[in-house]
Amino acid sequence: MNSSLDVAHVAETLPDLSEALADARLRPVGVVAGFAILTIGVLLSIAPATGQWAFWSTAVAATFVFVSVPLFCVGLAAPDPPEESHFHIGVNLTYKQRQAVAVGSLCITLSPVVMALGSLLGLTTVVLATVAILTFVGASLVLTGFVAWTSEALV
């Protein structure tokens, strides 16, 4: 059997989530890229557009915002980079708190994808409910990670 079709081989080659969340390079990439994409999304939503460009401008701006905020949160939650690095903005979360932020960010990021696919299939009511639940759960998980850190820091 081809190795790309062998489930065991593919499972062995998948990256481990704990390794990805423990990578200190995630902090500068997440914070800088998240902030840059968010700025582009905000500028796109502010720019005046008329006709068919108004719809696309709004859709692209909303997608940028929905992608950038979770990316920024994951960047803030990433572990502190080495001492020789000049990039020390962020929060030192535990592994479990970092996992909550990552899963919540994934839920928020999937919201526009579910909305787009559901709209194409014509399932508006079900899709709106699903997107609302995904976004609420994602935001709750992201906030839970940061609130847990805040309560630990205060205690």
Protein backbone atom coordinates (compact mmCIF):
# COMPACT_ATOMS: atom_id res chain seq x y z
CA MET A 1 0.00 0.00 0.00
CA ASN A 2 1.14 3.51 -0.74
CA SER A 3 2.58 5.16 2.39
CA SER A 4 0.32 8.21 1.94
CA LEU A 5 -2.73 5.92 2.21
CA ASP A 6 -1.44 3.99 5.23
CA VAL A 7 -3.19 5.43 8.30
CA ALA A 8 -0.48 4.37 10.75
CA HIS A 9 2.28 5.98 8.68
CA VAL A 10 0.32 9.22 8.30
CA ALA A 11 -0.46 9.29 12.05
CA GLU A 12 3.24 8.88 12.87
CA THR A 13 4.23 11.79 10.62
CA LEU A 14 1.66 14.27 11.95
CA PRO A 15 3.13 17.00 14.13
CA ASP A 16 2.42 16.78 17.84
CA LEU A 17 0.21 19.60 19.13
CA SER A 18 2.20 19.84 22.35
CA GLU A 19 5.41 20.43 20.38
CA ALA A 20 3.76 23.12 18.27
CA LEU A 21 2.32 24.90 21.31
CA ALA A 22 5.67 24.74 23.12
CA ASP A 23 7.56 26.40 20.25
CA ALA A 24 8.73 29.86 21.32
CA ARG A 25 8.86 31.04 17.68
CA LEU A 26 5.06 31.07 17.74
CA ARG A 27 5.02 34.24 19.85
CA PRO A 28 6.60 36.73 17.43
CA VAL A 29 4.91 35.14 14.41
CA GLY A 30 1.47 35.11 16.05
CA VAL A 31 1.62 38.59 17.54
CA VAL A 32 3.18 40.34 14.52
CA ALA A 33 1.20 38.47 11.83
CA GLY A 34 -2.03 38.69 13.83
CA PHE A 35 -1.61 42.43 14.33
CA ALA A 36 -0.70 43.00 10.66
CA ILE A 37 -3.66 41.00 9.33
CA LEU A 38 -5.99 42.71 11.80
CA THR A 39 -4.76 46.13 10.66
CA ILE A 40 -5.37 45.23 7.02
CA GLY A 41 -8.86 43.96 7.88
CA VAL A 42 -9.71 47.14 9.78
CA LEU A 43 -8.40 49.37 6.99
CA LEU A 44 -10.38 47.36 4.44
CA SER A 45 -13.56 47.73 6.46
CA ILE A 46 -13.05 51.49 6.82
CA ALA A 47 -12.28 52.07 3.13
CA PRO A 48 -15.33 53.28 1.21
CA ALA A 49 -16.52 50.85 -1.45
CA THR A 50 -19.60 50.85 -3.64
CA GLY A 51 -21.41 48.29 -5.76
CA GLN A 52 -20.16 44.74 -5.84
CA TRP A 53 -16.83 45.77 -4.30
CA ALA A 54 -18.62 46.72 -1.08
CA PHE A 55 -19.64 43.10 -0.51
CA TRP A 56 -16.18 41.69 -1.26
CA SER A 57 -14.44 44.36 0.79
CA THR A 58 -16.64 43.56 3.78
CA ALA A 59 -16.27 39.80 3.34
CA VAL A 60 -12.48 39.95 3.08
CA ALA A 61 -12.24 42.38 6.01
CA ALA A 62 -14.40 40.12 8.20
CA THR A 63 -12.36 37.06 7.26
CA PHE A 64 -9.11 38.87 8.06
CA VAL A 65 -10.45 39.88 11.48
CA PHE A 66 -11.74 36.37 12.23
CA VAL A 67 -8.34 34.89 11.33
CA SER A 68 -6.12 37.54 12.90
CA VAL A 69 -7.62 37.72 16.38
CA PRO A 70 -7.11 33.98 17.14
CA LEU A 71 -3.63 34.12 15.61
CA PHE A 72 -2.81 37.09 17.83
CA CYS A 73 -4.18 35.24 20.90
CA VAL A 74 -2.11 32.13 20.15
CA GLY A 75 0.92 34.38 19.72
CA LEU A 76 0.31 36.01 23.09
CA ALA A 77 -0.13 32.61 24.71
CA ALA A 78 3.05 31.11 23.24
CA PRO A 79 5.96 30.38 25.57
CA ASP A 80 8.53 33.06 26.28
CA PRO A 81 11.33 33.17 23.68
CA PRO A 82 14.97 32.72 24.74
CA GLU A 83 16.65 35.54 26.65
CA GLU A 84 18.66 36.70 23.62
CA SER A 85 15.41 37.44 21.76
CA HIS A 86 14.11 41.01 21.68
CA PHE A 87 10.49 39.88 21.57
CA HIS A 88 9.12 39.40 25.09
CA ILE A 89 5.55 40.71 24.78
CA GLY A 90 2.94 38.17 25.82
CA VAL A 91 1.78 36.02 28.69
CA ASN A 92 3.40 32.90 30.17
CA LEU A 93 0.58 30.38 30.23
CA THR A 94 0.74 26.79 31.40
CA TYR A 95 0.40 24.01 28.85
CA LYS A 96 -3.30 23.43 29.67
CA GLN A 97 -4.08 27.14 29.42
CA ARG A 98 -2.20 27.30 26.12
CA GLN A 99 -4.22 24.33 24.87
CA ALA A 100 -7.49 26.09 25.76
CA VAL A 101 -6.41 29.21 23.87
CA ALA A 102 -5.33 27.14 20.84
CA VAL A 103 -8.58 25.12 20.67
CA GLY A 104 -10.65 28.27 21.17
CA SER A 105 -8.70 30.02 18.43
CA LEU A 106 -9.32 27.09 16.11
CA CYS A 107 -13.08 27.29 16.81
CA ILE A 108 -13.12 31.01 16.07
CA THR A 109 -11.09 30.53 12.89
CA LEU A 110 -13.45 27.82 11.64
CA SER A 111 -16.51 30.05 12.05
CA PRO A 112 -16.21 31.92 8.72
CA VAL A 113 -15.38 28.66 6.93
CA VAL A 114 -18.55 27.03 8.28
CA MET A 115 -20.53 30.15 7.38
CA ALA A 116 -19.24 30.15 3.79
CA LEU A 117 -19.84 26.44 3.28
CA GLY A 118 -23.30 26.57 4.85
CA SER A 119 -24.31 29.55 2.75
CA LEU A 120 -23.29 27.69 -0.40
CA LEU A 121 -25.41 24.71 0.66
CA GLY A 122 -28.38 26.90 1.61
CA LEU A 123 -28.53 25.87 5.28
CA THR A 124 -28.79 29.37 6.72
CA THR A 125 -30.58 28.76 10.05
CA VAL A 126 -28.55 25.69 10.98
CA VAL A 127 -25.34 27.35 9.86
CA LEU A 128 -25.99 30.55 11.80
CA ALA A 129 -26.65 28.54 14.95
CA THR A 130 -23.52 26.44 14.40
CA VAL A 131 -21.36 29.51 13.76
CA ALA A 132 -22.75 31.25 16.84
CA ILE A 133 -22.01 28.20 19.00
CA LEU A 134 -18.52 27.77 17.51
CA THR A 135 -17.67 31.42 18.09
CA PHE A 136 -19.09 31.45 21.61
CA VAL A 137 -17.23 28.27 22.62
CA GLY A 138 -14.03 29.52 20.99
CA ALA A 139 -14.19 32.90 22.69
CA SER A 140 -14.98 31.23 26.02
CA LEU A 141 -11.97 28.93 25.71
CA VAL A 142 -9.64 31.79 24.76
CA LEU A 143 -10.88 33.88 27.67
CA THR A 144 -10.66 30.89 30.02
CA GLY A 145 -6.96 30.48 29.21
CA PHE A 146 -6.17 34.12 29.89
CA VAL A 147 -8.47 34.47 32.91
CA ALA A 148 -6.88 31.37 34.48
CA TRP A 149 -3.45 32.97 34.04
CA THR A 150 -4.70 36.24 35.53
CA SER A 151 -6.14 34.50 38.57
CA GLU A 152 -2.88 32.57 39.07
CA ALA A 153 -0.87 35.79 38.79
CA LEU A 154 -3.11 37.55 41.32
CA VAL A 155 -2.97 34.69 43.83
